Amino acid sequence: MQVTSRIRTLVTLPNANMEGVPIPYNQRILCPPHLEDYINPLPTHVNPLLHSPYFHPTAGFWLSCSDMVAQNVAIDLMDPSSHTQTYFPRAGPRYDVIFVPDDVSAAIVTCGGLCPGLNTVVRELVDALWYQYGVKRIHGICGGYRGFYSRDTMPLDPRIVDGWHRIGGSRLGTSRGGFDLEKIVDSIEHRGFNQIYIIGGDGTMRGAVAIYEEVKRRGLKASVVGIPKTVDNDVGIIDR
């Protein structure tokens, strides 16, 4: 099939799993880092959702690496400067995943100032990991970033977090400061966490990036996931 001149086969490859995806002319793709960036080969497994009693995957249920969301919905065809577009990978279920549920040890931490809905996010995250993906080892990090190295973890399951969405504050506790990169990643490595969910604002997200970079440097098979929250609206993009 002939491809029009406005489609070209690649500008900059964000990561390995984007190879071969055509990118429209004068466009770019921004992808989050991926374990494939530094672990190769990386075995994959069938997504547990395929066998979940809560889902019945149909055509279009699974997303691929070519499913994107555009940064700008509206452009001016008469203004060439508005034609440069940035795309982000769509969030959603992939058919292939890299973690087997029995091998997952997840950690959840809330950092920074209090924000409405913190406990709801933790509850929904625990329920999704437990019921949808079959993850049974879920740990709450108490007291913010410093909780990684200064306190015991709180075991989490759907029974424990039931009703948390009706409670204000943070049941895990939170704090500002206490970010010691070496101690945090030492704890992640020593405790065997391989999925780390970090809920916080702009400062917390900068810390999450630093944690990822150190995890990458050590070659650990651990995903670091930032979940943005803000009470003063200073985290970009989330309003889109």
C-alpha atoms as a PDB file:
ATOM      1  CA  MET A   1       0.000   0.000   0.000  1.00  0.00           C
ATOM      2  CA  GLN A   2       1.366   3.432  -0.889  1.00  0.00           C
ATOM      3  CA  VAL A   3       1.945   5.753   2.047  1.00  0.00           C
ATOM      4  CA  THR A   4       1.334   9.460   1.549  1.00  0.00           C
ATOM      5  CA  SER A   5       4.186  11.922   1.864  1.00  0.00           C
ATOM      6  CA  ARG A   6       2.738  13.259   5.103  1.00  0.00           C
ATOM      7  CA  ILE A   7       3.561  10.021   6.885  1.00  0.00           C
ATOM      8  CA  ARG A   8       7.156   9.247   7.567  1.00  0.00           C
ATOM      9  CA  THR A   9       8.589   6.279   9.340  1.00  0.00           C
ATOM     10  CA  LEU A  10      10.151   7.634  12.412  1.00  0.00           C
ATOM     11  CA  VAL A  11      11.680  10.690  13.848  1.00  0.00           C
ATOM     12  CA  THR A  12      13.133   9.882  17.249  1.00  0.00           C
ATOM     13  CA  LEU A  13      12.440   6.502  18.824  1.00  0.00           C
ATOM     14  CA  PRO A  14      11.255   7.107  22.411  1.00  0.00           C
ATOM     15  CA  ASN A  15      11.813   3.465  23.388  1.00  0.00           C
ATOM     16  CA  ALA A  16      12.240   0.042  21.879  1.00  0.00           C
ATOM     17  CA  ASN A  17       8.583  -0.939  21.686  1.00  0.00           C
ATOM     18  CA  MET A  18       7.830   1.983  19.340  1.00  0.00           C
ATOM     19  CA  GLU A  19       9.929   0.645  16.458  1.00  0.00           C
ATOM     20  CA  GLY A  20       8.063   0.452  13.181  1.00  0.00           C
ATOM     21  CA  VAL A  21       5.250   2.790  14.222  1.00  0.00           C
ATOM     22  CA  PRO A  22       4.673   5.427  11.498  1.00  0.00           C
ATOM     23  CA  ILE A  23       4.656   9.003  12.749  1.00  0.00           C
ATOM     24  CA  PRO A  24       2.821  11.764  10.859  1.00  0.00           C
ATOM     25  CA  TYR A  25       5.095  14.359   9.288  1.00  0.00           C
ATOM     26  CA  ASN A  26       6.254  17.180  11.583  1.00  0.00           C
ATOM     27  CA  GLN A  27       4.976  15.339  14.634  1.00  0.00           C
ATOM     28  CA  ARG A  28       6.585  13.741  17.668  1.00  0.00           C
ATOM     29  CA  ILE A  29       5.751  11.158  20.290  1.00  0.00           C
ATOM     30  CA  LEU A  30       6.565  11.495  23.971  1.00  0.00           C
ATOM     31  CA  CYS A  31       6.599   8.155  25.774  1.00  0.00           C
ATOM     32  CA  PRO A  32       7.223   7.398  29.442  1.00  0.00           C
ATOM     33  CA  PRO A  33      10.341   5.348  30.165  1.00  0.00           C
ATOM     34  CA  HIS A  34       9.939   1.587  29.933  1.00  0.00           C
ATOM     35  CA  LEU A  35      11.784  -1.392  31.405  1.00  0.00           C
ATOM     36  CA  GLU A  36      12.696  -2.380  27.856  1.00  0.00           C
ATOM     37  CA  ASP A  37      14.943   0.691  27.787  1.00  0.00           C
ATOM     38  CA  TYR A  38      17.517  -1.109  29.944  1.00  0.00           C
ATOM     39  CA  ILE A  39      16.410  -4.742  30.329  1.00  0.00           C
ATOM     40  CA  ASN A  40      16.680  -6.757  27.138  1.00  0.00           C
ATOM     41  CA  PRO A  41      15.335  -9.278  26.462  1.00  0.00           C
ATOM     42  CA  LEU A  42      12.275  -8.677  28.605  1.00  0.00           C
ATOM     43  CA  PRO A  43       9.871 -11.652  28.647  1.00  0.00           C
ATOM     44  CA  THR A  44       6.164 -10.863  28.322  1.00  0.00           C
ATOM     45  CA  HIS A  45       3.071 -12.671  29.577  1.00  0.00           C
ATOM     46  CA  VAL A  46      -0.620 -12.661  28.715  1.00  0.00           C
ATOM     47  CA  ASN A  47      -2.518  -9.957  30.595  1.00  0.00           C
ATOM     48  CA  PRO A  48      -4.456 -11.444  33.572  1.00  0.00           C
ATOM     49  CA  LEU A  49      -7.481  -9.406  32.491  1.00  0.00           C
ATOM     50  CA  LEU A  50      -7.998 -11.967  29.724  1.00  0.00           C
ATOM     51  CA  HIS A  51      -9.133 -14.457  32.356  1.00  0.00           C
ATOM     52  CA  SER A  52     -10.753 -11.987  34.752  1.00  0.00           C
ATOM     53  CA  PRO A  53     -14.428 -12.551  35.641  1.00  0.00           C
ATOM     54  CA  TYR A  54     -14.868  -8.758  35.618  1.00  0.00           C
ATOM     55  CA  PHE A  55     -13.898  -8.222  31.963  1.00  0.00           C
ATOM     56  CA  HIS A  56     -14.920  -9.750  28.671  1.00  0.00           C
ATOM     57  CA  PRO A  57     -12.399  -8.398  26.150  1.00  0.00           C
ATOM     58  CA  THR A  58     -13.865  -7.694  22.726  1.00  0.00           C
ATOM     59  CA  ALA A  59     -12.427  -6.201  19.552  1.00  0.00           C
ATOM     60  CA  GLY A  60     -10.683  -2.946  20.379  1.00  0.00           C
ATOM     61  CA  PHE A  61     -10.334  -3.719  24.093  1.00  0.00           C
ATOM     62  CA  TRP A  62      -6.554  -4.097  23.965  1.00  0.00           C
ATOM     63  CA  LEU A  63      -4.442  -1.071  23.092  1.00  0.00           C
ATOM     64  CA  SER A  64      -1.271  -1.240  21.024  1.00  0.00           C
ATOM     65  CA  CYS A  65       1.840   0.927  20.896  1.00  0.00           C
ATOM     66  CA  SER A  66       0.292   2.887  18.024  1.00  0.00           C
ATOM     67  CA  ASP A  67      -2.735   4.080  20.046  1.00  0.00           C
ATOM     68  CA  MET A  68      -2.100   7.740  20.829  1.00  0.00           C
ATOM     69  CA  VAL A  69      -3.705  10.834  22.349  1.00  0.00           C
ATOM     70  CA  ALA A  70      -2.951  14.203  20.747  1.00  0.00           C
ATOM     71  CA  GLN A  71      -1.828  17.081  22.936  1.00  0.00           C
ATOM     72  CA  ASN A  72      -3.922  19.598  20.989  1.00  0.00           C
ATOM     73  CA  VAL A  73      -7.417  18.707  19.857  1.00  0.00           C
ATOM     74  CA  ALA A  74      -7.982  21.890  17.818  1.00  0.00           C
ATOM     75  CA  ILE A  75      -5.561  23.498  15.367  1.00  0.00           C
ATOM     76  CA  ASP A  76      -5.721  26.346  12.854  1.00  0.00           C
ATOM     77  CA  LEU A  77      -5.174  24.999   9.328  1.00  0.00           C
ATOM     78  CA  MET A  78      -4.093  28.477   8.228  1.00  0.00           C
ATOM     79  CA  ASP A  79      -1.410  28.709  10.905  1.00  0.00           C
ATOM     80  CA  PRO A  80       1.512  26.352  10.114  1.00  0.00           C
ATOM     81  CA  SER A  81       3.002  26.870  13.566  1.00  0.00           C
ATOM     82  CA  SER A  82       0.033  25.044  15.069  1.00  0.00           C
ATOM     83  CA  HIS A  83       0.512  21.999  12.873  1.00  0.00           C
ATOM     84  CA  THR A  84       3.364  20.554  14.937  1.00  0.00           C
ATOM     85  CA  GLN A  85       1.667  18.000  17.123  1.00  0.00           C
ATOM     86  CA  THR A  86       2.791  15.979  20.112  1.00  0.00           C
ATOM     87  CA  TYR A  87       1.282  12.591  20.856  1.00  0.00           C
ATOM     88  CA  PHE A  88       1.199  10.568  24.048  1.00  0.00           C
ATOM     89  CA  PRO A  89       0.532   6.803  24.325  1.00  0.00           C
ATOM     90  CA  ARG A  90      -3.041   6.048  25.373  1.00  0.00           C
ATOM     91  CA  ALA A  91      -3.480   4.618  28.835  1.00  0.00           C
ATOM     92  CA  GLY A  92      -5.298   1.308  28.910  1.00  0.00           C
ATOM     93  CA  PRO A  93      -4.898  -2.476  28.905  1.00  0.00           C
ATOM     94  CA  ARG A  94      -2.219  -4.145  26.795  1.00  0.00           C
ATOM     95  CA  TYR A  95      -2.481  -7.791  25.788  1.00  0.00           C
ATOM     96  CA  ASP A  96       1.128  -8.452  26.822  1.00  0.00           C
ATOM     97  CA  VAL A  97       2.431  -7.517  30.260  1.00  0.00           C
ATOM     98  CA  ILE A  98       5.833  -8.011  31.846  1.00  0.00           C
ATOM     99  CA  PHE A  99       4.843  -9.026  35.377  1.00  0.00           C
ATOM    100  CA  VAL A 100       3.291 -12.276  36.571  1.00  0.00           C
ATOM    101  CA  PRO A 101       0.853 -11.530  39.436  1.00  0.00           C
ATOM    102  CA  ASP A 102       2.491 -14.009  41.814  1.00  0.00           C
ATOM    103  CA  ASP A 103       5.843 -12.257  41.324  1.00  0.00           C
ATOM    104  CA  VAL A 104       4.568  -8.751  42.021  1.00  0.00           C
ATOM    105  CA  SER A 105       5.319  -6.963  45.261  1.00  0.00           C
ATOM    106  CA  ALA A 106       3.688  -3.540  45.070  1.00  0.00           C
ATOM    107  CA  ALA A 107       4.355  -0.485  47.238  1.00  0.00           C
ATOM    108  CA  ILE A 108       2.079   2.563  47.507  1.00  0.00           C
ATOM    109  CA  VAL A 109       3.134   5.877  49.056  1.00  0.00           C
ATOM    110  CA  THR A 110       1.463   9.293  49.460  1.00  0.00           C
ATOM    111  CA  CYS A 111       3.750  12.323  49.710  1.00  0.00           C
ATOM    112  CA  GLY A 112       3.529  16.072  50.191  1.00  0.00           C
ATOM    113  CA  GLY A 113       0.492  18.041  51.294  1.00  0.00           C
ATOM    114  CA  LEU A 114      -2.929  16.584  51.854  1.00  0.00           C
ATOM    115  CA  CYS A 115      -5.353  16.606  48.941  1.00  0.00           C
ATOM    116  CA  PRO A 116      -8.988  15.501  48.654  1.00  0.00           C
ATOM    117  CA  GLY A 117      -9.316  11.974  47.318  1.00  0.00           C
ATOM    118  CA  LEU A 118      -5.970  10.549  48.445  1.00  0.00           C
ATOM    119  CA  ASN A 119      -7.530   7.615  50.243  1.00  0.00           C
ATOM    120  CA  THR A 120      -9.866   6.966  47.309  1.00  0.00           C
ATOM    121  CA  VAL A 121      -6.891   6.654  44.959  1.00  0.00           C
ATOM    122  CA  VAL A 122      -5.188   4.178  47.294  1.00  0.00           C
ATOM    123  CA  ARG A 123      -8.390   2.152  47.696  1.00  0.00           C
ATOM    124  CA  GLU A 124      -9.041   1.936  43.959  1.00  0.00           C
ATOM    125  CA  LEU A 125      -5.416   1.048  43.283  1.00  0.00           C
ATOM    126  CA  VAL A 126      -5.501  -1.779  45.831  1.00  0.00           C
ATOM    127  CA  ASP A 127      -8.813  -3.087  44.470  1.00  0.00           C
ATOM    128  CA  ALA A 128      -7.542  -3.002  40.875  1.00  0.00           C
ATOM    129  CA  LEU A 129      -4.304  -4.797  41.733  1.00  0.00           C
ATOM    130  CA  TRP A 130      -6.101  -7.415  43.823  1.00  0.00           C
ATOM    131  CA  TYR A 131      -9.257  -8.155  41.842  1.00  0.00           C
ATOM    132  CA  GLN A 132      -8.281  -7.337  38.266  1.00  0.00           C
ATOM    133  CA  TYR A 133      -4.641  -8.387  38.168  1.00  0.00           C
ATOM    134  CA  GLY A 134      -4.452 -10.958  40.955  1.00  0.00           C
ATOM    135  CA  VAL A 135      -1.701  -9.179  42.909  1.00  0.00           C
ATOM    136  CA  LYS A 136      -1.817 -10.225  46.563  1.00  0.00           C
ATOM    137  CA  ARG A 137       1.335  -8.604  47.978  1.00  0.00           C
ATOM    138  CA  ILE A 138       0.545  -4.910  48.376  1.00  0.00           C
ATOM    139  CA  HIS A 139       2.376  -2.712  50.877  1.00  0.00           C
ATOM    140  CA  GLY A 140       1.547   0.774  52.129  1.00  0.00           C
ATOM    141  CA  ILE A 141       4.532   3.022  52.808  1.00  0.00           C
ATOM    142  CA  CYS A 142       3.698   5.097  55.872  1.00  0.00           C
ATOM    143  CA  GLY A 143       4.624   8.748  56.313  1.00  0.00           C
ATOM    144  CA  GLY A 144       5.753   9.737  52.826  1.00  0.00           C
ATOM    145  CA  TYR A 145       9.157   9.159  51.245  1.00  0.00           C
ATOM    146  CA  ARG A 146      10.929   8.747  54.595  1.00  0.00           C
ATOM    147  CA  GLY A 147       8.646   5.782  55.329  1.00  0.00           C
ATOM    148  CA  PHE A 148      10.633   3.683  52.843  1.00  0.00           C
ATOM    149  CA  TYR A 149      13.604   3.553  55.221  1.00  0.00           C
ATOM    150  CA  SER A 150      12.315   4.547  58.659  1.00  0.00           C
ATOM    151  CA  ARG A 151       9.081   2.607  59.250  1.00  0.00           C
ATOM    152  CA  ASP A 152       7.510  -0.794  58.733  1.00  0.00           C
ATOM    153  CA  THR A 153       5.104  -1.167  55.846  1.00  0.00           C
ATOM    154  CA  MET A 154       1.329  -1.522  56.187  1.00  0.00           C
ATOM    155  CA  PRO A 155      -0.133  -4.617  54.487  1.00  0.00           C
ATOM    156  CA  LEU A 156      -2.994  -3.637  52.206  1.00  0.00           C
ATOM    157  CA  ASP A 157      -5.901  -5.634  50.802  1.00  0.00           C
ATOM    158  CA  PRO A 158      -9.508  -4.835  49.814  1.00  0.00           C
ATOM    159  CA  ARG A 159     -10.794  -5.577  53.318  1.00  0.00           C
ATOM    160  CA  ILE A 160      -8.356  -3.145  54.930  1.00  0.00           C
ATOM    161  CA  VAL A 161      -9.015  -0.282  52.507  1.00  0.00           C
ATOM    162  CA  ASP A 162     -12.788  -0.785  52.412  1.00  0.00           C
ATOM    163  CA  GLY A 163     -14.387   2.502  53.433  1.00  0.00           C
ATOM    164  CA  TRP A 164     -11.208   4.562  52.976  1.00  0.00           C
ATOM    165  CA  HIS A 165     -12.957   6.635  50.308  1.00  0.00           C
ATOM    166  CA  ARG A 166     -15.176   8.075  53.049  1.00  0.00           C
ATOM    167  CA  ILE A 167     -12.226   9.260  55.163  1.00  0.00           C
ATOM    168  CA  GLY A 168     -10.251  12.482  54.697  1.00  0.00           C
ATOM    169  CA  GLY A 169      -6.515  12.979  54.940  1.00  0.00           C
ATOM    170  CA  SER A 170      -4.191  10.088  54.162  1.00  0.00           C
ATOM    171  CA  ARG A 171      -4.562   6.774  55.957  1.00  0.00           C
ATOM    172  CA  LEU A 172      -0.985   5.953  55.006  1.00  0.00           C
ATOM    173  CA  GLY A 173       0.235   9.255  56.376  1.00  0.00           C
ATOM    174  CA  THR A 174       2.254  11.772  54.421  1.00  0.00           C
ATOM    175  CA  SER A 175       5.047  14.267  54.912  1.00  0.00           C
ATOM    176  CA  ARG A 176       7.158  16.810  53.107  1.00  0.00           C
ATOM    177  CA  GLY A 177      10.859  16.183  52.773  1.00  0.00           C
ATOM    178  CA  GLY A 178      12.586  13.009  53.910  1.00  0.00           C
ATOM    179  CA  PHE A 179      13.766  12.272  50.388  1.00  0.00           C
ATOM    180  CA  ASP A 180      16.998  10.281  50.629  1.00  0.00           C
ATOM    181  CA  LEU A 181      17.498   8.646  47.240  1.00  0.00           C
ATOM    182  CA  GLU A 182      20.040   6.035  48.273  1.00  0.00           C
ATOM    183  CA  LYS A 183      18.064   4.922  51.316  1.00  0.00           C
ATOM    184  CA  ILE A 184      14.783   4.801  49.387  1.00  0.00           C
ATOM    185  CA  VAL A 185      16.150   2.685  46.540  1.00  0.00           C
ATOM    186  CA  ASP A 186      18.118   0.510  48.982  1.00  0.00           C
ATOM    187  CA  SER A 187      14.790  -0.208  50.697  1.00  0.00           C
ATOM    188  CA  ILE A 188      13.063  -0.930  47.380  1.00  0.00           C
ATOM    189  CA  GLU A 189      15.822  -3.366  46.452  1.00  0.00           C
ATOM    190  CA  HIS A 190      16.068  -4.988  49.902  1.00  0.00           C
ATOM    191  CA  ARG A 191      12.306  -5.438  50.276  1.00  0.00           C
ATOM    192  CA  GLY A 192      11.892  -6.702  46.737  1.00  0.00           C
ATOM    193  CA  PHE A 193       9.344  -4.109  45.582  1.00  0.00           C
ATOM    194  CA  ASN A 194       8.931  -4.260  41.815  1.00  0.00           C
ATOM    195  CA  GLN A 195       5.943  -1.969  41.356  1.00  0.00           C
ATOM    196  CA  ILE A 196       6.152   1.384  43.144  1.00  0.00           C
ATOM    197  CA  TYR A 197       3.161   3.727  43.006  1.00  0.00           C
ATOM    198  CA  ILE A 198       3.992   7.272  44.117  1.00  0.00           C
ATOM    199  CA  ILE A 199       1.120   9.700  44.709  1.00  0.00           C
ATOM    200  CA  GLY A 200       2.093  13.344  45.001  1.00  0.00           C
ATOM    201  CA  GLY A 201       2.555  16.797  43.515  1.00  0.00           C
ATOM    202  CA  ASP A 202       5.241  18.376  41.383  1.00  0.00           C
ATOM    203  CA  GLY A 203       8.038  17.953  43.944  1.00  0.00           C
ATOM    204  CA  THR A 204       7.029  14.356  44.577  1.00  0.00           C
ATOM    205  CA  MET A 205       7.034  13.638  40.837  1.00  0.00           C
ATOM    206  CA  ARG A 206      10.582  15.002  40.540  1.00  0.00           C
ATOM    207  CA  GLY A 207      11.523  12.592  43.301  1.00  0.00           C
ATOM    208  CA  ALA A 208       9.816   9.748  41.427  1.00  0.00           C
ATOM    209  CA  VAL A 209      11.922  10.532  38.341  1.00  0.00           C
ATOM    210  CA  ALA A 210      15.088  10.421  40.446  1.00  0.00           C
ATOM    211  CA  ILE A 211      14.020   7.073  41.931  1.00  0.00           C
ATOM    212  CA  TYR A 212      13.419   5.692  38.444  1.00  0.00           C
ATOM    213  CA  GLU A 213      16.845   6.859  37.273  1.00  0.00           C
ATOM    214  CA  GLU A 214      18.525   5.142  40.219  1.00  0.00           C
ATOM    215  CA  VAL A 215      16.448   1.978  39.717  1.00  0.00           C
ATOM    216  CA  LYS A 216      17.543   2.028  36.076  1.00  0.00           C
ATOM    217  CA  ARG A 217      21.194   2.583  37.014  1.00  0.00           C
ATOM    218  CA  ARG A 218      21.077  -0.474  39.273  1.00  0.00           C
ATOM    219  CA  GLY A 219      19.335  -2.523  36.597  1.00  0.00           C
ATOM    220  CA  LEU A 220      16.392  -3.433  38.829  1.00  0.00           C
ATOM    221  CA  LYS A 221      13.262  -4.894  37.268  1.00  0.00           C
ATOM    222  CA  ALA A 222      10.962  -2.420  39.002  1.00  0.00           C
ATOM    223  CA  SER A 223       8.340  -0.075  37.573  1.00  0.00           C
ATOM    224  CA  VAL A 224       8.030   3.382  39.115  1.00  0.00           C
ATOM    225  CA  VAL A 225       4.587   4.901  38.538  1.00  0.00           C
ATOM    226  CA  GLY A 226       3.796   8.535  39.295  1.00  0.00           C
ATOM    227  CA  ILE A 227       0.176   9.389  40.136  1.00  0.00           C
ATOM    228  CA  PRO A 228      -0.162  13.195  40.146  1.00  0.00           C
ATOM    229  CA  LYS A 229      -2.227  14.978  42.754  1.00  0.00           C
ATOM    230  CA  THR A 230      -2.392  18.658  43.563  1.00  0.00           C
ATOM    231  CA  VAL A 231      -4.363  20.991  45.743  1.00  0.00           C
ATOM    232  CA  ASP A 232      -2.871  24.147  44.185  1.00  0.00           C
ATOM    233  CA  ASN A 233      -3.096  23.143  40.505  1.00  0.00           C
ATOM    234  CA  ASP A 234       0.650  23.164  39.826  1.00  0.00           C
ATOM    235  CA  VAL A 235       0.971  19.816  38.026  1.00  0.00           C
ATOM    236  CA  GLY A 236       0.869  20.256  34.258  1.00  0.00           C
ATOM    237  CA  ILE A 237      -1.103  18.225  31.693  1.00  0.00           C
ATOM    238  CA  ILE A 238      -3.497  16.546  34.185  1.00  0.00           C
ATOM    239  CA  ASP A 239      -6.228  19.019  33.218  1.00  0.00           C
ATOM    240  CA  ARG A 240      -6.187  17.461  29.719  1.00  0.00           C
END
